[in-house]
Protein backbone atom coordinates (compact mmCIF):
# COMPACT_ATOMS: atom_id res chain seq x y z
CA MET A 1 -54.22 -35.93 79.21
CA SER A 2 -51.50 -33.92 80.89
CA ASN A 3 -50.85 -30.27 80.10
CA THR A 4 -47.52 -31.28 78.57
CA ASP A 5 -49.18 -33.73 76.16
CA ALA A 6 -51.79 -31.15 75.15
CA ASN A 7 -49.16 -28.53 74.38
CA MET A 8 -47.24 -31.02 72.19
CA ILE A 9 -50.37 -31.77 70.14
CA VAL A 10 -51.11 -28.06 69.61
CA ASN A 11 -47.55 -27.32 68.54
CA MET A 12 -47.56 -30.23 66.07
CA SER A 13 -50.83 -29.00 64.55
CA ARG A 14 -49.41 -25.53 64.10
CA ARG A 15 -46.31 -26.90 62.39
CA ASN A 16 -48.47 -28.99 60.06
CA LEU A 17 -50.58 -25.99 59.11
CA VAL A 18 -47.52 -23.86 58.37
CA THR A 19 -45.94 -26.64 56.31
CA ARG A 20 -49.13 -27.19 54.30
CA ALA A 21 -49.53 -23.43 53.67
CA ALA A 22 -45.92 -23.14 52.47
CA SER A 23 -46.40 -26.11 50.13
CA MET A 24 -49.53 -24.57 48.63
CA ALA A 25 -47.75 -21.25 48.07
CA ALA A 26 -44.83 -22.99 46.40
CA ALA A 27 -47.19 -24.88 44.13
CA LEU A 28 -48.65 -21.56 42.94
CA VAL A 29 -45.39 -19.64 42.59
CA VAL A 30 -42.86 -22.16 41.28
CA PRO A 31 -44.62 -23.01 37.99
CA SER A 32 -44.91 -19.34 37.01
CA ILE A 33 -41.22 -18.77 37.78
CA SER A 34 -40.21 -21.84 35.80
CA ALA A 35 -42.28 -20.83 32.78
CA ALA A 36 -40.83 -17.33 32.79
CA ALA A 37 -37.29 -18.69 33.07
CA LYS A 38 -37.59 -20.91 30.01
CA PRO A 39 -36.36 -19.06 26.90
CA ASP A 40 -38.50 -21.27 24.68
CA ALA A 41 -41.71 -20.81 26.65
CA ALA A 42 -44.84 -20.59 24.52
CA PRO A 43 -45.82 -17.01 23.57
CA ALA A 44 -48.79 -15.44 25.28
CA SER A 45 -50.75 -15.35 22.03
CA PRO A 46 -50.40 -16.44 18.38
CA ASN A 47 -49.70 -12.77 17.48
CA HIS A 48 -46.85 -12.40 19.98
CA LYS A 49 -44.28 -11.58 17.27
CA GLU A 50 -46.40 -8.75 15.92
CA HIS A 51 -45.79 -6.77 19.12
CA ARG A 52 -42.00 -6.71 18.84
CA MET A 53 -40.35 -3.54 17.62
CA SER A 54 -39.65 -3.75 13.88
CA THR A 55 -36.01 -2.98 13.05
CA ILE A 56 -33.41 -3.92 10.49
CA THR A 57 -29.65 -3.80 11.02
CA THR A 58 -27.39 -2.05 8.51
CA ARG A 59 -23.87 -3.17 7.63
CA ASP A 60 -22.34 -0.77 10.20
CA GLY A 61 -24.65 -2.04 12.95
CA THR A 62 -27.15 0.82 12.93
CA GLN A 63 -30.68 -0.21 13.89
CA ILE A 64 -33.31 1.25 11.55
CA TYR A 65 -36.85 1.30 12.91
CA TYR A 66 -39.78 0.92 10.53
CA LYS A 67 -43.57 0.74 10.58
CA ASP A 68 -45.30 -1.88 8.45
CA TRP A 69 -49.04 -1.29 8.04
CA GLY A 70 -51.69 -2.97 5.91
CA LYS A 71 -51.63 -5.55 3.14
CA GLY A 72 -51.41 -5.25 -0.63
CA PRO A 73 -49.02 -3.61 -3.10
CA THR A 74 -46.08 -2.08 -1.24
CA VAL A 75 -45.53 1.65 -0.71
CA VAL A 76 -42.35 2.85 1.04
CA LEU A 77 -42.22 6.35 2.51
CA SER A 78 -39.02 8.29 3.28
CA HIS A 79 -39.43 11.22 5.68
CA GLY A 80 -38.01 14.74 5.78
CA TRP A 81 -35.61 16.62 8.06
CA PRO A 82 -35.61 16.63 11.07
CA LEU A 83 -38.66 14.39 11.41
CA ASN A 84 -39.37 10.66 11.41
CA ALA A 85 -41.84 8.13 10.02
CA ASP A 86 -44.69 9.55 12.12
CA SER A 87 -44.76 12.59 9.83
CA TRP A 88 -46.27 10.32 7.15
CA GLU A 89 -49.10 9.06 9.33
CA ASP A 90 -51.91 10.73 7.32
CA GLN A 91 -50.72 9.06 4.12
CA ALA A 92 -49.77 5.75 5.77
CA LEU A 93 -53.18 5.34 7.41
CA PHE A 94 -55.06 6.38 4.28
CA LEU A 95 -53.17 4.07 1.94
CA ALA A 96 -53.29 1.11 4.33
CA GLU A 97 -57.05 1.57 4.59
CA HIS A 98 -57.23 1.55 0.78
CA GLY A 99 -55.53 -1.79 0.23
CA TYR A 100 -51.81 -1.04 0.35
CA ARG A 101 -48.94 -2.28 2.48
CA VAL A 102 -47.21 0.86 3.76
CA ILE A 103 -43.68 0.85 5.19
CA ALA A 104 -42.23 4.01 6.71
CA HIS A 105 -38.80 4.00 8.35
CA ASP A 106 -36.93 6.36 10.66
CA ARG A 107 -33.70 7.43 8.99
CA ARG A 108 -30.52 6.69 10.98
CA GLY A 109 -30.12 9.24 13.75
CA PHE A 110 -33.82 10.17 13.71
CA GLY A 111 -36.89 9.00 15.61
CA ARG A 112 -36.55 5.48 17.02
CA SER A 113 -33.54 4.44 14.97
CA THR A 114 -30.15 4.40 16.66
CA GLN A 115 -27.90 7.46 16.58
CA PRO A 116 -24.47 6.64 15.15
CA TRP A 117 -21.78 9.31 15.01
CA SER A 118 -21.32 9.05 11.25
CA GLY A 119 -23.09 8.00 8.07
CA TYR A 120 -25.23 11.08 7.50
CA ASP A 121 -24.72 11.25 3.74
CA TYR A 122 -26.93 10.20 0.87
CA ASP A 123 -24.85 7.24 -0.26
CA THR A 124 -25.26 5.75 3.21
CA PHE A 125 -28.96 6.63 3.36
CA ALA A 126 -29.47 4.85 0.03
CA ASP A 127 -27.53 1.84 1.30
CA ASP A 128 -29.70 1.75 4.44
CA LEU A 129 -32.81 1.85 2.26
CA ALA A 130 -31.42 -0.96 0.11
CA THR A 131 -30.87 -3.03 3.27
CA LEU A 132 -34.51 -2.46 4.20
CA PHE A 133 -35.61 -3.61 0.74
CA GLN A 134 -33.38 -6.68 0.83
CA THR A 135 -34.18 -7.68 4.40
CA LEU A 136 -37.93 -7.49 3.84
CA ASP A 137 -37.58 -8.78 0.25
CA LEU A 138 -39.57 -5.85 -1.13
CA LYS A 139 -40.40 -5.82 -4.84
CA ASP A 140 -42.60 -3.72 -7.13
CA VAL A 141 -42.37 -0.89 -4.61
CA ALA A 142 -43.87 2.56 -5.02
CA LEU A 143 -41.17 4.68 -3.36
CA PHE A 144 -42.03 8.18 -2.13
CA GLY A 145 -39.81 10.77 -0.51
CA PHE A 146 -40.78 13.99 1.25
CA SER A 147 -38.33 16.92 1.41
CA MET A 148 -34.96 15.46 2.43
CA GLY A 149 -36.45 12.02 1.82
CA GLY A 150 -36.80 12.89 -1.86
CA GLY A 151 -33.02 12.94 -2.03
CA GLU A 152 -32.94 9.47 -0.50
CA VAL A 153 -35.30 8.23 -3.20
CA ALA A 154 -33.19 9.83 -5.93
CA ARG A 155 -29.88 8.49 -4.62
CA TYR A 156 -31.36 5.00 -4.16
CA VAL A 157 -32.35 4.97 -7.83
CA GLY A 158 -28.95 6.38 -8.78
CA ARG A 159 -27.07 3.65 -6.87
CA TYR A 160 -29.38 0.66 -7.17
CA GLY A 161 -31.54 1.25 -10.21
CA THR A 162 -35.25 0.52 -10.43
CA SER A 163 -35.41 -3.28 -10.48
CA ARG A 164 -37.37 -3.23 -7.20
CA ILE A 165 -39.27 0.00 -8.00
CA SER A 166 -42.61 0.24 -9.82
CA LYS A 167 -43.26 3.96 -9.27
CA ALA A 168 -41.60 6.91 -7.56
CA GLY A 169 -42.78 10.09 -5.90
CA LEU A 170 -41.05 13.35 -4.92
CA ILE A 171 -43.10 15.52 -2.56
CA SER A 172 -41.77 18.95 -1.51
CA ALA A 173 -38.45 17.29 -2.30
CA VAL A 174 -34.93 18.75 -2.29
CA PRO A 175 -33.64 17.41 -5.68
CA PRO A 176 -32.02 18.30 -7.92
CA LEU A 177 -29.90 20.77 -5.85
CA MET A 178 -30.85 23.20 -3.09
CA LEU A 179 -27.61 25.19 -2.85
CA GLN A 180 -27.26 28.31 -4.98
CA ALA A 181 -24.45 27.99 -7.52
CA PRO A 182 -23.50 29.52 -10.89
CA ASN A 183 -25.38 26.70 -12.62
CA ASN A 184 -28.21 26.86 -10.07
CA PRO A 185 -29.04 30.55 -9.61
CA GLU A 186 -32.49 29.86 -8.14
CA GLY A 187 -30.96 27.86 -5.30
CA THR A 188 -30.72 28.96 -1.68
CA PRO A 189 -27.54 30.83 -0.61
CA LEU A 190 -25.06 29.02 1.63
CA ALA A 191 -25.60 31.67 4.32
CA ALA A 192 -29.13 30.37 4.89
CA PHE A 193 -27.85 26.88 5.66
CA ASP A 194 -25.12 28.29 7.88
CA GLY A 195 -27.92 30.06 9.74
CA ILE A 196 -29.75 26.75 10.22
CA ARG A 197 -26.65 25.16 11.69
CA ALA A 198 -26.07 28.15 13.97
CA GLY A 199 -29.68 28.03 15.17
CA VAL A 200 -29.46 24.31 15.98
CA ARG A 201 -26.24 24.82 17.94
CA ALA A 202 -27.46 27.90 19.82
CA ASP A 203 -30.87 26.66 21.00
CA ARG A 204 -32.11 23.61 19.17
CA SER A 205 -35.47 23.48 20.93
CA GLN A 206 -36.39 27.10 20.27
CA PHE A 207 -35.06 26.91 16.72
CA PHE A 208 -37.45 24.09 15.87
CA LYS A 209 -40.36 25.93 17.45
CA GLU A 210 -39.62 28.86 15.14
CA VAL A 211 -39.03 26.75 12.02
CA SER A 212 -42.37 24.98 12.44
CA ARG A 213 -44.23 28.15 11.44
CA PRO A 214 -42.82 28.66 7.91
CA PHE A 215 -42.71 24.86 7.50
CA PHE A 216 -46.50 24.77 7.64
CA GLY A 217 -47.11 28.30 6.38
CA ALA A 218 -48.42 29.36 9.79
CA ASN A 219 -46.70 32.72 9.30
CA ARG A 220 -48.95 33.56 6.33
CA GLU A 221 -51.97 35.77 6.78
CA GLY A 222 -55.14 33.77 7.27
CA ALA A 223 -53.31 30.49 7.91
CA LYS A 224 -55.14 28.02 10.15
CA ILE A 225 -52.49 25.72 11.59
CA SER A 226 -53.24 24.27 15.01
CA GLN A 227 -50.86 24.61 17.92
CA GLY A 228 -50.99 20.84 18.19
CA THR A 229 -49.49 20.48 14.71
CA LEU A 230 -46.70 22.93 15.52
CA ASP A 231 -45.99 21.10 18.78
CA TRP A 232 -45.93 17.77 16.95
CA PHE A 233 -43.27 19.07 14.58
CA TRP A 234 -41.20 20.21 17.56
CA LEU A 235 -41.58 16.86 19.32
CA MET A 236 -40.42 14.85 16.31
CA SER A 237 -37.54 17.25 15.74
CA MET A 238 -36.31 16.91 19.30
CA GLN A 239 -36.20 13.11 18.95
CA ALA A 240 -33.43 13.43 16.36
CA SER A 241 -29.74 13.31 17.26
CA THR A 242 -28.00 16.67 17.29
CA LYS A 243 -25.10 15.27 15.26
CA GLY A 244 -27.40 13.81 12.63
CA THR A 245 -29.46 16.98 12.52
CA LEU A 246 -26.38 19.11 11.85
CA ASP A 247 -24.69 16.76 9.37
CA CYS A 248 -27.87 16.37 7.35
CA VAL A 249 -28.02 20.11 6.66
CA LYS A 250 -24.90 19.75 4.53
CA ALA A 251 -26.21 16.55 2.96
CA PHE A 252 -29.59 17.86 1.82
CA SER A 253 -28.34 21.30 0.79
CA GLU A 254 -25.13 20.47 -1.08
CA THR A 255 -25.82 17.09 -2.69
CA ASP A 256 -26.46 17.29 -6.43
CA PHE A 257 -29.05 14.71 -7.53
CA THR A 258 -29.14 15.67 -11.20
CA GLY A 259 -27.43 12.47 -12.32
CA ASP A 260 -29.69 10.36 -10.13
CA LEU A 261 -32.85 11.92 -11.56
CA ARG A 262 -31.71 11.10 -15.08
CA LYS A 263 -31.84 7.41 -14.15
CA PHE A 264 -35.54 7.51 -13.27
CA ASP A 265 -37.31 5.21 -15.73
CA ARG A 266 -40.50 4.52 -13.81
CA PRO A 267 -43.67 6.66 -13.58
CA THR A 268 -42.86 9.54 -11.25
CA LEU A 269 -45.19 11.87 -9.36
CA ILE A 270 -43.84 15.29 -8.35
CA ILE A 271 -45.88 17.37 -5.90
CA HIS A 272 -44.75 20.79 -4.71
CA GLY A 273 -46.38 23.86 -3.22
CA ASP A 274 -45.70 27.20 -4.89
CA ASP A 275 -45.47 28.90 -1.48
CA ASP A 276 -42.85 26.52 -0.09
CA GLN A 277 -40.62 28.65 2.16
CA ILE A 278 -38.28 25.77 3.06
CA VAL A 279 -37.55 24.16 -0.33
CA PRO A 280 -38.54 26.77 -2.95
CA ILE A 281 -40.29 25.21 -5.92
CA GLY A 282 -38.16 26.85 -8.63
CA ALA A 283 -34.90 25.06 -7.81
CA ALA A 284 -36.68 21.91 -6.66
CA GLY A 285 -39.98 20.54 -7.96
CA LEU A 286 -40.02 22.50 -11.21
CA ALA A 287 -36.35 21.76 -11.90
CA SER A 288 -36.78 18.05 -11.18
CA ALA A 289 -39.74 17.89 -13.55
CA LYS A 290 -37.42 19.05 -16.35
CA ILE A 291 -34.94 16.22 -15.68
CA VAL A 292 -37.13 13.19 -14.89
CA LYS A 293 -38.59 11.48 -17.94
CA ASN A 294 -42.31 12.12 -18.42
CA PRO A 295 -43.22 13.04 -14.82
CA THR A 296 -46.66 13.79 -13.47
CA LEU A 297 -46.29 17.28 -11.97
CA LYS A 298 -48.78 18.65 -9.43
CA VAL A 299 -48.28 22.25 -8.28
CA TYR A 300 -50.39 23.15 -5.25
CA SER A 301 -51.26 26.82 -5.34
CA GLY A 302 -50.46 28.59 -2.08
CA ALA A 303 -49.31 25.39 -0.38
CA PRO A 304 -46.43 25.41 2.12
CA HIS A 305 -43.62 22.91 2.55
CA GLY A 306 -45.52 20.67 4.98
CA LEU A 307 -48.38 20.00 2.59
CA THR A 308 -48.60 16.30 3.47
CA ILE A 309 -50.32 17.62 6.60
CA THR A 310 -51.85 20.96 5.60
CA ARG A 311 -53.18 19.55 2.29
CA LYS A 312 -53.36 15.91 3.34
CA ASP A 313 -56.68 15.16 1.64
CA GLN A 314 -55.44 16.54 -1.67
CA VAL A 315 -52.12 14.70 -1.36
CA ASN A 316 -53.85 11.44 -0.45
CA THR A 317 -56.22 11.70 -3.40
CA ASP A 318 -53.42 12.46 -5.87
CA VAL A 319 -51.14 9.71 -4.55
CA LEU A 320 -53.91 7.10 -4.63
CA ALA A 321 -54.88 8.05 -8.18
CA PHE A 322 -51.22 7.85 -9.22
CA LEU A 323 -50.83 4.40 -7.65
CA LYS A 324 -53.96 3.10 -9.36
CA ALA A 325 -53.10 4.55 -12.78
């Protein structure tokens, strides 16, 4: 065999090896690309849908995020200002572990919900809540609101009635009216709310760090509030939109829920701390208990505003007993 013939054979062998290697690589790569490109490709697991973010869309296009934990009778939780659904985690976990389906949403402009420019009023909040109820087809719901969320509960009942509601709860809640007025002398002066708005505009981050202390009563002698809890409050607060944060101050301070409370015709639990420095009990929990028909009133001695965290075991026990009654 000549040198020329030998070189031709070697070159042909090399080309065959390269061609075979390329074919093998294509066989491995092409199917995975094709499967990924198909929009109707089979999900990775039967529970694929459970891992998608849970949102509903309101009539103005706002996306409202919600958590949906557990199975059983439904409990819906409405959070306070300027927080989000995570602030309910002690109650949500406890109730889900005790046989309830717990749904907690982020109000528009807060947490993981979208941040529209407008709609930060209680009529809109109630409409958003109604959309949640209708989209998920919720019935026989125990509806609880904390702080600002108590106003959402009240306005929902005022606008939509109680056909989907089995029980209601107001915890450290703002109704019937926070703002001081001739017919509400125990309310908070307008200057205090102007100060909140000024603090948010001047240095929102530092303002929330400072507010976290009276929120949980950490400024009281002997208080044992962890730095982690204070930091958690700050983190949730900073996730809220600045516009929504500011607009909601007017909403929760100046909205009168007296007429809404008069429409409550389901068992209602009212929980309030008598050392609440954010929503003083006199113009709030005690006043609401005089308007709502036959409420169950629980006054927590020495408890601050954020009692769902500082007194979580007591709150959980009282809420569970109320649900089972």
